[in-house]
Amino acid sequence: MICIDLPYNTGNDFIYPDNYTESPDTYLRYTGQLDSEGRRYSTNTETDGRFHSKWLSMMYPRLFLARNLLREDGVIFISVDDNEIHNLRILMNEIFGEENFIDT
């Protein structure tokens, strides 16, 4: 059994201490998200066309890993707010299979 209380999609950056070898600034520079003076080109605002995409991109590898950790007869419980539940269902269907959904 896995129980997850997902982070709300508040529009803030999704930086978690996952012990990556690169700092967030190094990553932002490497991916071209900072200008020459170190200012960000964009943020995760609701007007950004990628508002939900950024949240889902953060969640996908975590849920994919959770799927690999579950036994075949395992269950996963997820707490999420109304802002992302529909997007989360699409993601969960892709990873776990729509036929494995039980209830909301």
C-alpha atoms as a PDB file:
ATOM      1  CA  MET A   1       0.000   0.000   0.000  1.00  0.00           C
ATOM      2  CA  ILE A   2       1.211   3.481  -0.863  1.00  0.00           C
ATOM      3  CA  CYS A   3      -0.405   6.660   0.443  1.00  0.00           C
ATOM      4  CA  ILE A   4       0.591   9.991  -1.127  1.00  0.00           C
ATOM      5  CA  ASP A   5      -0.399  13.528  -0.152  1.00  0.00           C
ATOM      6  CA  LEU A   6       0.569  15.392  -3.326  1.00  0.00           C
ATOM      7  CA  PRO A   7       1.868  18.964  -3.288  1.00  0.00           C
ATOM      8  CA  TYR A   8      -0.712  21.518  -4.366  1.00  0.00           C
ATOM      9  CA  ASN A   9      -0.087  23.201  -7.698  1.00  0.00           C
ATOM     10  CA  THR A  10       0.306  26.701  -6.250  1.00  0.00           C
ATOM     11  CA  GLY A  11       2.293  28.037  -9.178  1.00  0.00           C
ATOM     12  CA  ASN A  12       5.523  27.988  -7.172  1.00  0.00           C
ATOM     13  CA  ASP A  13       8.526  26.063  -8.414  1.00  0.00           C
ATOM     14  CA  PHE A  14       8.633  22.376  -7.575  1.00  0.00           C
ATOM     15  CA  ILE A  15      12.039  22.037  -6.002  1.00  0.00           C
ATOM     16  CA  TYR A  16      12.326  19.219  -3.509  1.00  0.00           C
ATOM     17  CA  PRO A  17      15.463  18.101  -1.682  1.00  0.00           C
ATOM     18  CA  ASP A  18      15.820  14.897  -3.699  1.00  0.00           C
ATOM     19  CA  ASN A  19      19.595  15.002  -3.304  1.00  0.00           C
ATOM     20  CA  TYR A  20      20.319  15.691  -6.961  1.00  0.00           C
ATOM     21  CA  THR A  21      23.901  16.546  -7.742  1.00  0.00           C
ATOM     22  CA  GLU A  22      22.974  19.790  -9.519  1.00  0.00           C
ATOM     23  CA  SER A  23      21.684  22.820  -7.684  1.00  0.00           C
ATOM     24  CA  PRO A  24      18.417  24.400  -8.878  1.00  0.00           C
ATOM     25  CA  ASP A  25      20.398  27.361 -10.298  1.00  0.00           C
ATOM     26  CA  THR A  26      22.706  25.026 -12.221  1.00  0.00           C
ATOM     27  CA  TYR A  27      19.699  23.190 -13.631  1.00  0.00           C
ATOM     28  CA  LEU A  28      17.965  26.444 -14.619  1.00  0.00           C
ATOM     29  CA  ARG A  29      21.104  27.682 -16.376  1.00  0.00           C
ATOM     30  CA  TYR A  30      21.673  24.347 -18.126  1.00  0.00           C
ATOM     31  CA  THR A  31      18.089  24.227 -19.406  1.00  0.00           C
ATOM     32  CA  GLY A  32      18.181  27.846 -20.580  1.00  0.00           C
ATOM     33  CA  GLN A  33      15.658  29.160 -18.074  1.00  0.00           C
ATOM     34  CA  LEU A  34      17.870  32.017 -16.827  1.00  0.00           C
ATOM     35  CA  ASP A  35      19.066  35.077 -18.694  1.00  0.00           C
ATOM     36  CA  SER A  36      22.691  36.256 -18.620  1.00  0.00           C
ATOM     37  CA  GLU A  37      22.079  38.125 -15.351  1.00  0.00           C
ATOM     38  CA  GLY A  38      20.566  35.099 -13.596  1.00  0.00           C
ATOM     39  CA  ARG A  39      16.902  36.171 -13.880  1.00  0.00           C
ATOM     40  CA  ARG A  40      14.295  33.585 -14.794  1.00  0.00           C
ATOM     41  CA  TYR A  41      12.589  33.802 -18.134  1.00  0.00           C
ATOM     42  CA  SER A  42       9.327  32.444 -16.743  1.00  0.00           C
ATOM     43  CA  THR A  43       7.519  31.187 -13.664  1.00  0.00           C
ATOM     44  CA  ASN A  44       4.739  28.654 -13.187  1.00  0.00           C
ATOM     45  CA  THR A  45       1.743  30.998 -13.255  1.00  0.00           C
ATOM     46  CA  GLU A  46      -1.804  30.011 -14.180  1.00  0.00           C
ATOM     47  CA  THR A  47      -1.533  32.184 -17.287  1.00  0.00           C
ATOM     48  CA  ASP A  48       1.461  30.100 -18.364  1.00  0.00           C
ATOM     49  CA  GLY A  49       0.331  27.525 -20.911  1.00  0.00           C
ATOM     50  CA  ARG A  50       2.422  24.946 -19.084  1.00  0.00           C
ATOM     51  CA  PHE A  51       0.940  25.537 -15.597  1.00  0.00           C
ATOM     52  CA  HIS A  52      -0.505  22.022 -15.303  1.00  0.00           C
ATOM     53  CA  SER A  53       2.181  20.460 -17.470  1.00  0.00           C
ATOM     54  CA  LYS A  54       4.942  21.521 -15.088  1.00  0.00           C
ATOM     55  CA  TRP A  55       3.100  19.984 -12.133  1.00  0.00           C
ATOM     56  CA  LEU A  56       2.423  16.767 -14.033  1.00  0.00           C
ATOM     57  CA  SER A  57       6.024  16.597 -15.217  1.00  0.00           C
ATOM     58  CA  MET A  58       7.125  16.720 -11.600  1.00  0.00           C
ATOM     59  CA  MET A  59       4.589  14.049 -10.568  1.00  0.00           C
ATOM     60  CA  TYR A  60       5.081  11.542 -13.409  1.00  0.00           C
ATOM     61  CA  PRO A  61       8.449  10.068 -12.358  1.00  0.00           C
ATOM     62  CA  ARG A  62       7.353   9.849  -8.727  1.00  0.00           C
ATOM     63  CA  LEU A  63       4.155   7.984  -9.593  1.00  0.00           C
ATOM     64  CA  PHE A  64       5.969   5.783 -12.100  1.00  0.00           C
ATOM     65  CA  LEU A  65       8.381   4.787  -9.341  1.00  0.00           C
ATOM     66  CA  ALA A  66       5.458   4.161  -6.979  1.00  0.00           C
ATOM     67  CA  ARG A  67       3.957   1.808  -9.585  1.00  0.00           C
ATOM     68  CA  ASN A  68       7.204  -0.133  -9.768  1.00  0.00           C
ATOM     69  CA  LEU A  69       7.288  -0.439  -5.976  1.00  0.00           C
ATOM     70  CA  LEU A  70       3.738  -1.796  -5.676  1.00  0.00           C
ATOM     71  CA  ARG A  71       2.944  -5.479  -5.708  1.00  0.00           C
ATOM     72  CA  GLU A  72       0.472  -6.670  -8.343  1.00  0.00           C
ATOM     73  CA  ASP A  73      -2.284  -6.680  -5.695  1.00  0.00           C
ATOM     74  CA  GLY A  74      -1.126  -3.404  -4.120  1.00  0.00           C
ATOM     75  CA  VAL A  75      -3.166  -0.220  -3.786  1.00  0.00           C
ATOM     76  CA  ILE A  76      -2.308   3.463  -3.922  1.00  0.00           C
ATOM     77  CA  PHE A  77      -4.236   6.223  -2.165  1.00  0.00           C
ATOM     78  CA  ILE A  78      -3.678   9.814  -3.263  1.00  0.00           C
ATOM     79  CA  SER A  79      -4.849  13.095  -1.733  1.00  0.00           C
ATOM     80  CA  VAL A  80      -5.109  15.945  -4.234  1.00  0.00           C
ATOM     81  CA  ASP A  81      -7.144  19.136  -4.513  1.00  0.00           C
ATOM     82  CA  ASP A  82      -9.776  19.897  -7.150  1.00  0.00           C
ATOM     83  CA  ASN A  83      -7.367  21.942  -9.296  1.00  0.00           C
ATOM     84  CA  GLU A  84      -5.429  18.909 -10.526  1.00  0.00           C
ATOM     85  CA  ILE A  85      -7.704  15.903  -9.985  1.00  0.00           C
ATOM     86  CA  HIS A  86      -8.695  15.617 -13.651  1.00  0.00           C
ATOM     87  CA  ASN A  87      -5.101  15.898 -14.845  1.00  0.00           C
ATOM     88  CA  LEU A  88      -3.998  13.438 -12.171  1.00  0.00           C
ATOM     89  CA  ARG A  89      -6.608  10.898 -13.315  1.00  0.00           C
ATOM     90  CA  ILE A  90      -5.205  11.035 -16.854  1.00  0.00           C
ATOM     91  CA  LEU A  91      -1.694  10.536 -15.509  1.00  0.00           C
ATOM     92  CA  MET A  92      -2.765   7.697 -13.212  1.00  0.00           C
ATOM     93  CA  ASN A  93      -4.623   5.978 -16.072  1.00  0.00           C
ATOM     94  CA  GLU A  94      -1.457   6.101 -18.150  1.00  0.00           C
ATOM     95  CA  ILE A  95       0.765   4.695 -15.397  1.00  0.00           C
ATOM     96  CA  PHE A  96      -1.566   2.292 -13.593  1.00  0.00           C
ATOM     97  CA  GLY A  97      -4.169   1.561 -16.288  1.00  0.00           C
ATOM     98  CA  GLU A  98      -7.730   2.879 -16.322  1.00  0.00           C
ATOM     99  CA  GLU A  99      -9.047  -0.597 -15.509  1.00  0.00           C
ATOM    100  CA  ASN A 100      -7.331  -0.425 -12.106  1.00  0.00           C
ATOM    101  CA  PHE A 101      -9.181   2.709 -10.917  1.00  0.00           C
ATOM    102  CA  ILE A 102     -11.589   1.995  -8.073  1.00  0.00           C
ATOM    103  CA  ASP A 103     -13.069   5.223  -6.687  1.00  0.00           C
ATOM    104  CA  THR A 104     -12.645   8.924  -5.936  1.00  0.00           C
END
